[in-house]
């Protein structure tokens, strides 16, 4: 008999539903799909797929805003935290 254990994870309910629908279409259930993922991770000694570092829209917008602010001569910069906090409080 195989020694098994239970694993409990928290995830977005909609993501879980979508994953269960996908796995069902593939003839799998969540347990089998997660076991397949974990076996591949152990076999590869890492995540068994490429992880992209492409930022989402919100992060990309924040990065572009930061670049714009960095070169805008009208934006006040600080090299002293006390002055920054003083201005924030006023």
PDB file of N, CA and C in Angstrom:
ATOM      1  N   UNK A   1       0.840  -1.192   0.000  1.00  0.00           N
ATOM      2  CA  UNK A   1       0.000   0.000   0.000  1.00  0.00           C
ATOM      3  C   UNK A   1       0.879   1.247   0.000  1.00  0.00           C
ATOM      4  N   UNK A   2       0.526   2.224  -0.806  1.00  0.00           N
ATOM      5  CA  UNK A   2       1.277   3.472  -0.908  1.00  0.00           C
ATOM      6  C   UNK A   2       1.006   4.341   0.310  1.00  0.00           C
ATOM      7  N   UNK A   3       2.069   4.942   0.827  1.00  0.00           N
ATOM      8  CA  UNK A   3       1.937   5.873   1.945  1.00  0.00           C
ATOM      9  C   UNK A   3       1.503   7.221   1.392  1.00  0.00           C
ATOM     10  N   UNK A   4       0.311   7.691   1.741  1.00  0.00           N
ATOM     11  CA  UNK A   4      -0.194   8.956   1.225  1.00  0.00           C
ATOM     12  C   UNK A   4      -0.414   9.939   2.370  1.00  0.00           C
ATOM     13  N   UNK A   5      -0.541  11.192   1.994  1.00  0.00           N
ATOM     14  CA  UNK A   5      -0.826  12.252   2.956  1.00  0.00           C
ATOM     15  C   UNK A   5      -1.759  13.259   2.322  1.00  0.00           C
ATOM     16  N   UNK A   6      -2.422  14.037   3.143  1.00  0.00           N
ATOM     17  CA  UNK A   6      -3.297  15.100   2.647  1.00  0.00           C
ATOM     18  C   UNK A   6      -2.515  16.397   2.570  1.00  0.00           C
ATOM     19  N   UNK A   7      -2.834  17.205   1.549  1.00  0.00           N
ATOM     20  CA  UNK A   7      -2.246  18.523   1.377  1.00  0.00           C
ATOM     21  C   UNK A   7      -3.409  19.503   1.268  1.00  0.00           C
ATOM     22  N   UNK A   8      -3.322  20.591   2.000  1.00  0.00           N
ATOM     23  CA  UNK A   8      -4.366  21.604   1.954  1.00  0.00           C
ATOM     24  C   UNK A   8      -3.757  22.912   1.455  1.00  0.00           C
ATOM     25  N   UNK A   9      -4.366  23.494   0.424  1.00  0.00           N
ATOM     26  CA  UNK A   9      -3.881  24.773  -0.110  1.00  0.00           C
ATOM     27  C   UNK A   9      -5.052  25.729  -0.239  1.00  0.00           C
ATOM     28  N   UNK A  10      -4.757  27.013  -0.190  1.00  0.00           N
ATOM     29  CA  UNK A  10      -5.770  28.049  -0.393  1.00  0.00           C
ATOM     30  C   UNK A  10      -5.528  28.675  -1.765  1.00  0.00           C
ATOM     31  N   UNK A  11      -6.610  28.889  -2.501  1.00  0.00           N
ATOM     32  CA  UNK A  11      -6.495  29.530  -3.807  1.00  0.00           C
ATOM     33  C   UNK A  11      -7.793  30.236  -4.142  1.00  0.00           C
ATOM     34  N   UNK A  12      -7.724  31.086  -5.116  1.00  0.00           N
ATOM     35  CA  UNK A  12      -8.884  31.798  -5.608  1.00  0.00           C
ATOM     36  C   UNK A  12      -9.936  30.788  -6.076  1.00  0.00           C
ATOM     37  N   UNK A  13     -11.184  30.961  -5.645  1.00  0.00           N
ATOM     38  CA  UNK A  13     -12.248  30.009  -5.965  1.00  0.00           C
ATOM     39  C   UNK A  13     -12.484  29.899  -7.467  1.00  0.00           C
ATOM     40  N   UNK A  14     -12.411  31.022  -8.182  1.00  0.00           N
ATOM     41  CA  UNK A  14     -12.634  30.987  -9.632  1.00  0.00           C
ATOM     42  C   UNK A  14     -11.503  30.244 -10.335  1.00  0.00           C
ATOM     43  N   UNK A  15     -10.272  30.456  -9.883  1.00  0.00           N
ATOM     44  CA  UNK A  15      -9.133  29.727 -10.459  1.00  0.00           C
ATOM     45  C   UNK A  15      -9.304  28.225 -10.244  1.00  0.00           C
ATOM     46  N   UNK A  16      -9.732  27.831  -9.045  1.00  0.00           N
ATOM     47  CA  UNK A  16      -9.941  26.408  -8.753  1.00  0.00           C
ATOM     48  C   UNK A  16     -10.994  25.819  -9.685  1.00  0.00           C
ATOM     49  N   UNK A  17     -12.101  26.539  -9.864  1.00  0.00           N
ATOM     50  CA  UNK A  17     -13.162  26.048 -10.744  1.00  0.00           C
ATOM     51  C   UNK A  17     -12.665  25.884 -12.177  1.00  0.00           C
ATOM     52  N   UNK A  18     -11.920  26.885 -12.665  1.00  0.00           N
ATOM     53  CA  UNK A  18     -11.384  26.819 -14.027  1.00  0.00           C
ATOM     54  C   UNK A  18     -10.426  25.638 -14.175  1.00  0.00           C
ATOM     55  N   UNK A  19      -9.575  25.442 -13.170  1.00  0.00           N
ATOM     56  CA  UNK A  19      -8.619  24.326 -13.222  1.00  0.00           C
ATOM     57  C   UNK A  19      -9.353  22.990 -13.198  1.00  0.00           C
ATOM     58  N   UNK A  20     -10.356  22.869 -12.335  1.00  0.00           N
ATOM     59  CA  UNK A  20     -11.122  21.615 -12.275  1.00  0.00           C
ATOM     60  C   UNK A  20     -11.823  21.337 -13.600  1.00  0.00           C
ATOM     61  N   UNK A  21     -12.369  22.380 -14.234  1.00  0.00           N
ATOM     62  CA  UNK A  21     -13.014  22.203 -15.541  1.00  0.00           C
ATOM     63  C   UNK A  21     -12.004  21.727 -16.587  1.00  0.00           C
ATOM     64  N   UNK A  22     -10.838  22.361 -16.604  1.00  0.00           N
ATOM     65  CA  UNK A  22      -9.795  21.973 -17.549  1.00  0.00           C
ATOM     66  C   UNK A  22      -9.363  20.530 -17.319  1.00  0.00           C
ATOM     67  N   UNK A  23      -9.068  20.194 -16.062  1.00  0.00           N
ATOM     68  CA  UNK A  23      -8.597  18.843 -15.761  1.00  0.00           C
ATOM     69  C   UNK A  23      -9.671  17.805 -16.076  1.00  0.00           C
ATOM     70  N   UNK A  24     -10.924  18.145 -15.828  1.00  0.00           N
ATOM     71  CA  UNK A  24     -12.018  17.230 -16.150  1.00  0.00           C
ATOM     72  C   UNK A  24     -12.064  16.962 -17.651  1.00  0.00           C
ATOM     73  N   UNK A  25     -11.897  18.020 -18.438  1.00  0.00           N
ATOM     74  CA  UNK A  25     -11.866  17.853 -19.899  1.00  0.00           C
ATOM     75  C   UNK A  25     -10.721  16.950 -20.334  1.00  0.00           C
ATOM     76  N   UNK A  26      -9.638  16.930 -19.535  1.00  0.00           N
ATOM     77  CA  UNK A  26      -8.476  16.093 -19.846  1.00  0.00           C
ATOM     78  C   UNK A  26      -8.577  14.706 -19.221  1.00  0.00           C
ATOM     79  N   UNK A  27      -9.691  14.432 -18.523  1.00  0.00           N
ATOM     80  CA  UNK A  27      -9.886  13.134 -17.886  1.00  0.00           C
ATOM     81  C   UNK A  27      -9.135  13.002 -16.562  1.00  0.00           C
ATOM     82  N   UNK A  28      -8.820  14.139 -15.938  1.00  0.00           N
ATOM     83  CA  UNK A  28      -8.078  14.140 -14.674  1.00  0.00           C
ATOM     84  C   UNK A  28      -8.913  14.797 -13.585  1.00  0.00           C
ATOM     85  N   UNK A  29      -8.486  14.602 -12.355  1.00  0.00           N
ATOM     86  CA  UNK A  29      -9.042  15.385 -11.264  1.00  0.00           C
ATOM     87  C   UNK A  29      -7.911  16.210 -10.661  1.00  0.00           C
ATOM     88  N   UNK A  30      -8.226  17.062  -9.701  1.00  0.00           N
ATOM     89  CA  UNK A  30      -7.227  17.959  -9.127  1.00  0.00           C
ATOM     90  C   UNK A  30      -6.083  17.175  -8.481  1.00  0.00           C
ATOM     91  N   UNK A  31      -6.396  16.088  -7.797  1.00  0.00           N
ATOM     92  CA  UNK A  31      -5.346  15.299  -7.132  1.00  0.00           C
ATOM     93  C   UNK A  31      -4.359  14.731  -8.141  1.00  0.00           C
ATOM     94  N   UNK A  32      -4.868  14.149  -9.215  1.00  0.00           N
ATOM     95  CA  UNK A  32      -3.989  13.563 -10.232  1.00  0.00           C
ATOM     96  C   UNK A  32      -3.164  14.658 -10.913  1.00  0.00           C
ATOM     97  N   UNK A  33      -3.802  15.786 -11.234  1.00  0.00           N
ATOM     98  CA  UNK A  33      -3.079  16.882 -11.890  1.00  0.00           C
ATOM     99  C   UNK A  33      -1.976  17.433 -10.991  1.00  0.00           C
ATOM    100  N   UNK A  34      -2.269  17.631  -9.713  1.00  0.00           N
ATOM    101  CA  UNK A  34      -1.254  18.150  -8.793  1.00  0.00           C
ATOM    102  C   UNK A  34      -0.127  17.126  -8.596  1.00  0.00           C
ATOM    103  N   UNK A  35      -0.467  15.852  -8.534  1.00  0.00           N
ATOM    104  CA  UNK A  35       0.560  14.811  -8.410  1.00  0.00           C
ATOM    105  C   UNK A  35       1.459  14.807  -9.635  1.00  0.00           C
ATOM    106  N   UNK A  36       0.872  14.957 -10.820  1.00  0.00           N
ATOM    107  CA  UNK A  36       1.676  15.022 -12.045  1.00  0.00           C
ATOM    108  C   UNK A  36       2.624  16.219 -11.995  1.00  0.00           C
ATOM    109  N   UNK A  37       2.101  17.381 -11.584  1.00  0.00           N
ATOM    110  CA  UNK A  37       2.933  18.570 -11.478  1.00  0.00           C
ATOM    111  C   UNK A  37       4.089  18.339 -10.510  1.00  0.00           C
ATOM    112  N   UNK A  38       3.796  17.801  -9.336  1.00  0.00           N
ATOM    113  CA  UNK A  38       4.835  17.593  -8.326  1.00  0.00           C
ATOM    114  C   UNK A  38       5.871  16.565  -8.773  1.00  0.00           C
ATOM    115  N   UNK A  39       5.435  15.500  -9.436  1.00  0.00           N
ATOM    116  CA  UNK A  39       6.403  14.515  -9.943  1.00  0.00           C
ATOM    117  C   UNK A  39       7.343  15.138 -10.972  1.00  0.00           C
ATOM    118  N   UNK A  40       6.799  15.960 -11.859  1.00  0.00           N
ATOM    119  CA  UNK A  40       7.644  16.630 -12.854  1.00  0.00           C
ATOM    120  C   UNK A  40       8.598  17.622 -12.189  1.00  0.00           C
ATOM    121  N   UNK A  41       8.119  18.333 -11.169  1.00  0.00           N
ATOM    122  CA  UNK A  41       8.973  19.280 -10.455  1.00  0.00           C
ATOM    123  C   UNK A  41      10.144  18.548  -9.803  1.00  0.00           C
ATOM    124  N   UNK A  42       9.867  17.431  -9.166  1.00  0.00           N
ATOM    125  CA  UNK A  42      10.929  16.644  -8.524  1.00  0.00           C
ATOM    126  C   UNK A  42      11.870  16.085  -9.580  1.00  0.00           C
ATOM    127  N   UNK A  43      11.326  15.532 -10.654  1.00  0.00           N
ATOM    128  CA  UNK A  43      12.148  14.967 -11.727  1.00  0.00           C
ATOM    129  C   UNK A  43      13.060  16.024 -12.341  1.00  0.00           C
ATOM    130  N   UNK A  44      12.541  17.248 -12.555  1.00  0.00           N
ATOM    131  CA  UNK A  44      13.309  18.333 -13.176  1.00  0.00           C
ATOM    132  C   UNK A  44      14.116  19.142 -12.175  1.00  0.00           C
ATOM    133  N   UNK A  45      13.877  18.882 -10.888  1.00  0.00           N
ATOM    134  CA  UNK A  45      14.516  19.670  -9.827  1.00  0.00           C
ATOM    135  C   UNK A  45      14.230  21.157  -9.992  1.00  0.00           C
ATOM    136  N   UNK A  46      12.986  21.466 -10.342  1.00  0.00           N
ATOM    137  CA  UNK A  46      12.549  22.844 -10.517  1.00  0.00           C
ATOM    138  C   UNK A  46      11.134  22.877 -11.053  1.00  0.00           C
ATOM    139  N   UNK A  47      10.642  24.068 -11.259  1.00  0.00           N
ATOM    140  CA  UNK A  47       9.303  24.218 -11.831  1.00  0.00           C
ATOM    141  C   UNK A  47       9.337  23.657 -13.251  1.00  0.00           C
ATOM    142  N   UNK A  48       8.389  22.780 -13.605  1.00  0.00           N
ATOM    143  CA  UNK A  48       8.459  22.107 -14.906  1.00  0.00           C
ATOM    144  C   UNK A  48       7.919  22.913 -16.082  1.00  0.00           C
ATOM    145  N   UNK A  49       7.993  24.219 -15.985  1.00  0.00           N
ATOM    146  CA  UNK A  49       7.621  25.079 -17.098  1.00  0.00           C
ATOM    147  C   UNK A  49       8.323  26.407 -16.910  1.00  0.00           C
ATOM    148  N   UNK A  50       8.399  27.186 -18.003  1.00  0.00           N
ATOM    149  CA  UNK A  50       9.059  28.480 -17.942  1.00  0.00           C
ATOM    150  C   UNK A  50       8.183  29.474 -17.199  1.00  0.00           C
ATOM    151  N   UNK A  51       8.804  30.229 -16.305  1.00  0.00           N
ATOM    152  CA  UNK A  51       8.091  31.272 -15.584  1.00  0.00           C
ATOM    153  C   UNK A  51       8.493  32.605 -16.192  1.00  0.00           C
ATOM    154  N   UNK A  52       7.510  33.315 -16.703  1.00  0.00           N
ATOM    155  CA  UNK A  52       7.760  34.585 -17.376  1.00  0.00           C
ATOM    156  C   UNK A  52       7.794  35.722 -16.363  1.00  0.00           C
ATOM    157  N   UNK A  53       8.663  36.660 -16.599  1.00  0.00           N
ATOM    158  CA  UNK A  53       8.735  37.835 -15.739  1.00  0.00           C
ATOM    159  C   UNK A  53       8.074  39.038 -16.396  1.00  0.00           C
ATOM    160  N   UNK A  54       7.202  38.794 -17.347  1.00  0.00           N
ATOM    161  CA  UNK A  54       6.497  39.871 -18.018  1.00  0.00           C
ATOM    162  C   UNK A  54       5.517  40.495 -17.035  1.00  0.00           C
ATOM    163  N   UNK A  55       5.650  41.800 -16.796  1.00  0.00           N
ATOM    164  CA  UNK A  55       4.747  42.434 -15.832  1.00  0.00           C
ATOM    165  C   UNK A  55       3.326  42.548 -16.378  1.00  0.00           C
ATOM    166  N   UNK A  56       2.360  42.536 -15.448  1.00  0.00           N
ATOM    167  CA  UNK A  56       0.976  42.740 -15.870  1.00  0.00           C
ATOM    168  C   UNK A  56       0.760  44.221 -16.185  1.00  0.00           C
ATOM    169  N   UNK A  57      -0.428  44.578 -16.658  1.00  0.00           N
ATOM    170  CA  UNK A  57      -0.702  45.963 -17.083  1.00  0.00           C
ATOM    171  C   UNK A  57      -0.500  46.972 -15.955  1.00  0.00           C
ATOM    172  N   UNK A  58      -0.975  46.637 -14.773  1.00  0.00           N
ATOM    173  CA  UNK A  58      -0.871  47.564 -13.644  1.00  0.00           C
ATOM    174  C   UNK A  58       0.592  47.807 -13.275  1.00  0.00           C
ATOM    175  N   UNK A  59       1.378  46.744 -13.228  1.00  0.00           N
ATOM    176  CA  UNK A  59       2.796  46.884 -12.901  1.00  0.00           C
ATOM    177  C   UNK A  59       3.528  47.650 -13.994  1.00  0.00           C
ATOM    178  N   UNK A  60       3.220  47.336 -15.245  1.00  0.00           N
ATOM    179  CA  UNK A  60       3.842  48.050 -16.367  1.00  0.00           C
ATOM    180  C   UNK A  60       3.513  49.545 -16.314  1.00  0.00           C
ATOM    181  N   UNK A  61       2.268  49.876 -16.007  1.00  0.00           N
ATOM    182  CA  UNK A  61       1.876  51.291 -15.902  1.00  0.00           C
ATOM    183  C   UNK A  61       2.640  51.972 -14.775  1.00  0.00           C
ATOM    184  N   UNK A  62       2.814  51.288 -13.646  1.00  0.00           N
ATOM    185  CA  UNK A  62       3.554  51.861 -12.519  1.00  0.00           C
ATOM    186  C   UNK A  62       5.022  52.065 -12.882  1.00  0.00           C
ATOM    187  N   UNK A  63       5.591  51.130 -13.623  1.00  0.00           N
ATOM    188  CA  UNK A  63       6.982  51.261 -14.046  1.00  0.00           C
ATOM    189  C   UNK A  63       7.159  52.451 -14.984  1.00  0.00           C
ATOM    190  N   UNK A  64       6.226  52.602 -15.923  1.00  0.00           N
ATOM    191  CA  UNK A  64       6.297  53.734 -16.849  1.00  0.00           C
ATOM    192  C   UNK A  64       6.124  55.058 -16.116  1.00  0.00           C
ATOM    193  N   UNK A  65       5.224  55.083 -15.138  1.00  0.00           N
ATOM    194  CA  UNK A  65       5.028  56.300 -14.339  1.00  0.00           C
ATOM    195  C   UNK A  65       6.298  56.639 -13.559  1.00  0.00           C
ATOM    196  N   UNK A  66       6.935  55.623 -12.981  1.00  0.00           N
ATOM    197  CA  UNK A  66       8.178  55.851 -12.227  1.00  0.00           C
ATOM    198  C   UNK A  66       9.270  56.404 -13.139  1.00  0.00           C
ATOM    199  N   UNK A  67       9.377  55.879 -14.354  1.00  0.00           N
ATOM    200  CA  UNK A  67      10.373  56.393 -15.300  1.00  0.00           C
ATOM    201  C   UNK A  67      10.083  57.852 -15.662  1.00  0.00           C
ATOM    202  N   UNK A  68       8.800  58.166 -15.854  1.00  0.00           N
ATOM    203  CA  UNK A  68       8.420  59.541 -16.192  1.00  0.00           C
ATOM    204  C   UNK A  68       8.743  60.481 -15.038  1.00  0.00           C
ATOM    205  N   UNK A  69       8.405  60.074 -13.824  1.00  0.00           N
ATOM    206  CA  UNK A  69       8.665  60.904 -12.646  1.00  0.00           C
ATOM    207  C   UNK A  69      10.165  61.120 -12.450  1.00  0.00           C
ATOM    208  N   UNK A  70      10.955  60.094 -12.730  1.00  0.00           N
ATOM    209  CA  UNK A  70      12.409  60.169 -12.509  1.00  0.00           C
ATOM    210  C   UNK A  70      13.066  61.253 -13.364  1.00  0.00           C
ATOM    211  N   UNK A  71      12.497  61.557 -14.523  1.00  0.00           N
ATOM    212  CA  UNK A  71      13.112  62.549 -15.411  1.00  0.00           C
ATOM    213  C   UNK A  71      12.356  63.876 -15.444  1.00  0.00           C
ATOM    214  N   UNK A  72      11.256  63.963 -14.695  1.00  0.00           N
ATOM    215  CA  UNK A  72      10.445  65.183 -14.685  1.00  0.00           C
ATOM    216  C   UNK A  72      11.066  66.197 -13.726  1.00  0.00           C
ATOM    217  N   UNK A  73      11.538  67.336 -14.247  1.00  0.00           N
ATOM    218  CA  UNK A  73      12.188  68.331 -13.379  1.00  0.00           C
ATOM    219  C   UNK A  73      11.205  69.001 -12.421  1.00  0.00           C
ATOM    220  N   UNK A  74       9.902  68.863 -12.648  1.00  0.00           N
ATOM    221  CA  UNK A  74       8.901  69.481 -11.785  1.00  0.00           C
ATOM    222  C   UNK A  74       8.538  68.609 -10.576  1.00  0.00           C
ATOM    223  N   UNK A  75       9.044  67.389 -10.542  1.00  0.00           N
ATOM    224  CA  UNK A  75       8.757  66.490  -9.422  1.00  0.00           C
ATOM    225  C   UNK A  75       9.858  66.646  -8.388  1.00  0.00           C
ATOM    226  N   UNK A  76       9.435  66.959  -7.149  1.00  0.00           N
ATOM    227  CA  UNK A  76      10.397  67.159  -6.070  1.00  0.00           C
ATOM    228  C   UNK A  76      10.917  65.807  -5.604  1.00  0.00           C
ATOM    229  N   UNK A  77      12.229  65.701  -5.480  1.00  0.00           N
ATOM    230  CA  UNK A  77      12.852  64.481  -4.985  1.00  0.00           C
ATOM    231  C   UNK A  77      13.412  64.687  -3.591  1.00  0.00           C
ATOM    232  N   UNK A  78      13.703  63.624  -2.909  1.00  0.00           N
ATOM    233  CA  UNK A  78      14.205  63.696  -1.538  1.00  0.00           C
ATOM    234  C   UNK A  78      15.432  62.800  -1.385  1.00  0.00           C
ATOM    235  N   UNK A  79      16.397  63.283  -0.620  1.00  0.00           N
ATOM    236  CA  UNK A  79      17.514  62.440  -0.210  1.00  0.00           C
ATOM    237  C   UNK A  79      17.615  62.430   1.313  1.00  0.00           C
ATOM    238  N   UNK A  80      16.547  62.943   1.955  1.00  0.00           N
ATOM    239  CA  UNK A  80      16.498  62.999   3.406  1.00  0.00           C
ATOM    240  C   UNK A  80      15.093  62.578   3.848  1.00  0.00           C
ATOM    241  N   UNK A  81      15.007  61.464   4.578  1.00  0.00           N
ATOM    242  CA  UNK A  81      13.704  60.956   4.991  1.00  0.00           C
ATOM    243  C   UNK A  81      12.959  61.912   5.908  1.00  0.00           C
ATOM    244  N   UNK A  82      13.679  62.622   6.768  1.00  0.00           N
ATOM    245  CA  UNK A  82      13.009  63.562   7.674  1.00  0.00           C
ATOM    246  C   UNK A  82      12.267  64.634   6.882  1.00  0.00           C
ATOM    247  N   UNK A  83      12.902  65.161   5.828  1.00  0.00           N
ATOM    248  CA  UNK A  83      12.248  66.167   4.991  1.00  0.00           C
ATOM    249  C   UNK A  83      11.048  65.572   4.247  1.00  0.00           C
ATOM    250  N   UNK A  84      11.187  64.342   3.776  1.00  0.00           N
ATOM    251  CA  UNK A  84      10.087  63.687   3.093  1.00  0.00           C
ATOM    252  C   UNK A  84       8.890  63.559   4.030  1.00  0.00           C
ATOM    253  N   UNK A  85       9.115  63.041   5.246  1.00  0.00           N
ATOM    254  CA  UNK A  85       8.019  62.855   6.178  1.00  0.00           C
ATOM    255  C   UNK A  85       7.425  64.194   6.615  1.00  0.00           C
ATOM    256  N   UNK A  86       8.256  65.199   6.743  1.00  0.00           N
ATOM    257  CA  UNK A  86       7.759  66.532   7.092  1.00  0.00           C
ATOM    258  C   UNK A  86       6.807  67.045   6.019  1.00  0.00           C
ATOM    259  N   UNK A  87       7.217  66.898   4.744  1.00  0.00           N
ATOM    260  CA  UNK A  87       6.364  67.345   3.643  1.00  0.00           C
ATOM    261  C   UNK A  87       5.079  66.496   3.539  1.00  0.00           C
ATOM    262  N   UNK A  88       5.181  65.211   3.829  1.00  0.00           N
ATOM    263  CA  UNK A  88       4.003  64.355   3.782  1.00  0.00           C
ATOM    264  C   UNK A  88       2.973  64.750   4.840  1.00  0.00           C
ATOM    265  N   UNK A  89       3.456  65.187   5.994  1.00  0.00           N
ATOM    266  CA  UNK A  89       2.553  65.572   7.081  1.00  0.00           C
ATOM    267  C   UNK A  89       1.916  66.927   6.860  1.00  0.00           C
ATOM    268  N   UNK A  90       2.509  67.736   6.005  1.00  0.00           N
ATOM    269  CA  UNK A  90       1.965  69.103   5.813  1.00  0.00           C
ATOM    270  C   UNK A  90       0.886  69.144   4.760  1.00  0.00           C
TER     271      UNK A  90
END
